[in-house]
Amino acid sequence: MRLTQFISATPRPSASQNAQRCLGRIAERDGALGAFTFHDPVEVLRQAREIDAQPGPLALRGIPVGVKDIFDTVDMPTAYGSWLYRDHRPTRDAEAVKRLRSAGALLIGKTLTTEFAFSHPGRTVNPRHPLHTPGGSSSGSAAAVADGMADFALASQTGGSAIRPAAYCGIVGMKPTHGLIPTQGMRALAPTMDTVGLHARTVDDLLRVWPVLSGVQPNFEGGQVRIACFPGPHAASASAEAKRALELAGVALREAGLPVQPFMPPMDDFAALSDAQRLVMAREAAYELREEDRLHRHLLSAELVALLEFGKKVSDVAYQQALRLAELWRTALSGMLDANVVLMTFSAPGQAPLLTEGTGSSVFNRSWSLLGLPCLSLPFGLGAARLPLGIQFVGAFGCDAVLLRVAGPVEKAFGEYLSRTSA
C-alpha cells in the first residue's frame, strides 16, 4: 500500500478539531514560550472549516503546521526575524507553503526565527525550561512542535538551524539534501547551503509530510541500512553526557539488531570543512543582505553586522577554495559511503545552553550543511538538567530515502531502550 493511500484511509481528527486543540495550547502557553510571531485564531478556524468542507482525499488534511518566518505567506506578515520587515506582506506564498496548502495542511501561524536566520535570538524559550534556548535559527518551529502547538513546522538550515533546535527541544528534525525541496520564497542567507528544514513530533509525522514537500514517496525497500558511528573531528567539543548518549545510542541499536560499526575516514582536512562553511556563509550573506546593510545597518544586530563585515573581506580565491574543499569531500564521502550506509554522530554539543549563552554551537552541523548532505536528528533521552539530547544521522548526498527508511526502526529502538533502562 502506498503511503498516501494509508494516510487517506486512516481516521484522524478534523481540521476544526485540530485547530481548536492547537489554538487552545497557544492561548495557554505562547505568552511565556514566544514560539509564534503571528497567528490569527479567527483565520485559523475559517481555514479549518474550508479544509473540512473540501471533498476527496488530501494528504495533509487538517494537519496543524507552523511556518518559520523566513517563508513568504500571502495571508500572514513575513518579517524574516527583522524589524526592517515588520510590516512586510508578501504577494505570493513560498513554494513549500504552497505545497502544504495544496495538500490540506492547516497553517497555524508564523514561528519565530532569529534575525535573517542567523544567530541573533528572538524571545522564544525552551519549552522544557524557560531559562534555556530552544536553539536557532528555527527557534519558534522547534518550540511550537515540542510544546504541542503544531504537529509539524517548516524550518531551515544553513549551518545548524534545523538539527540543533530539534535536539534541544526533543523532537524529530530533518535537513534534506540541499536543493531537494525548492527554496523559492524562502529568504536567502547563503544559497549554496540554504535548505528547507522539517520539524515533527514523530517519525510518522515526518513521513506524512515528506512526499508533499519533496515530491518523492518514501522508499522502504532496499538493502539493510548499515549505521556507522562517527564522532568526528570536533568530538572534544561535546559534553560528557552527549558522548555518553552517543555511546548508549549505539548500544540501543545493537540490542535491537541494528549493527553499528565505527567509521574512520582520513581526517587530514575534514575539520577544515567547518571553517569553510562559515567563510562561504559570510561571503554569500554579505551579498544577499547588501541592501539592508547599506541602507539600514543601524537596525541590524551586532552579530549580523560582524558576519557581513567578515563576508566582505573574503576573497574570491578563498571562497573558491572553500567550495572546492566541499566538492572534494562530497565526492570522497560518496566513495566511502554506499547508498545504504548512514553515519551516526552528535546533533549538538549537549543540552540546550542558557539563553544568556546564545542559541548554541553548530559545530556538529556546519560540515554537513556545506556538503549538502541529508541529516536527521532523533531525541535520545534527557541530560542531567532534564533537557533533551539528540542523536544525528547523516546520509550520502541524495540518499534521503535511506535516512527515512532507518528512522522508524531507530526511533523504536531508542524508545524501547530508554523505557527499559529508565524503569
Foldseek 3Di string as FASTA:
>chain_A
DFPQVVQQPDDDDALLVLLVQLVVLCVVPCVLFVFAPDFDSVVLNVLRVVLNPDDDAFLAANAEEEEELQWADQVAQRQLQFPVRPPPHDNDTFPLVVLCVRRNYRYGHYTAFHRNFDFHDDCGAAPVDRQFFLFHRSRSQLRCCLSVSGQKYKWKDLQQHFLQSCQQNFWKKKFAFQPQFDGGRGQDQQNLQITIMMTGRALSSVQSCVCSRRVDHQDLDDDAFAEAEDQDPVVVLADPVLVVLLVVLQVLCVVLVRHYHHDDDDRPCLLVLLVLSLQSSLQRNLVSCVVCCVPPVVRDDPVNVVSNVSNVPQDPVSNVVSLVVLVVVLVVVCVVDDLRYKYKYFSFRAHGGGVVVTNHDSSVGRNCSSNSWMKMWHWAFADPVRTIGIMMITGRRPSVSNVSNCRVVSNVSRVVVCVVVVD
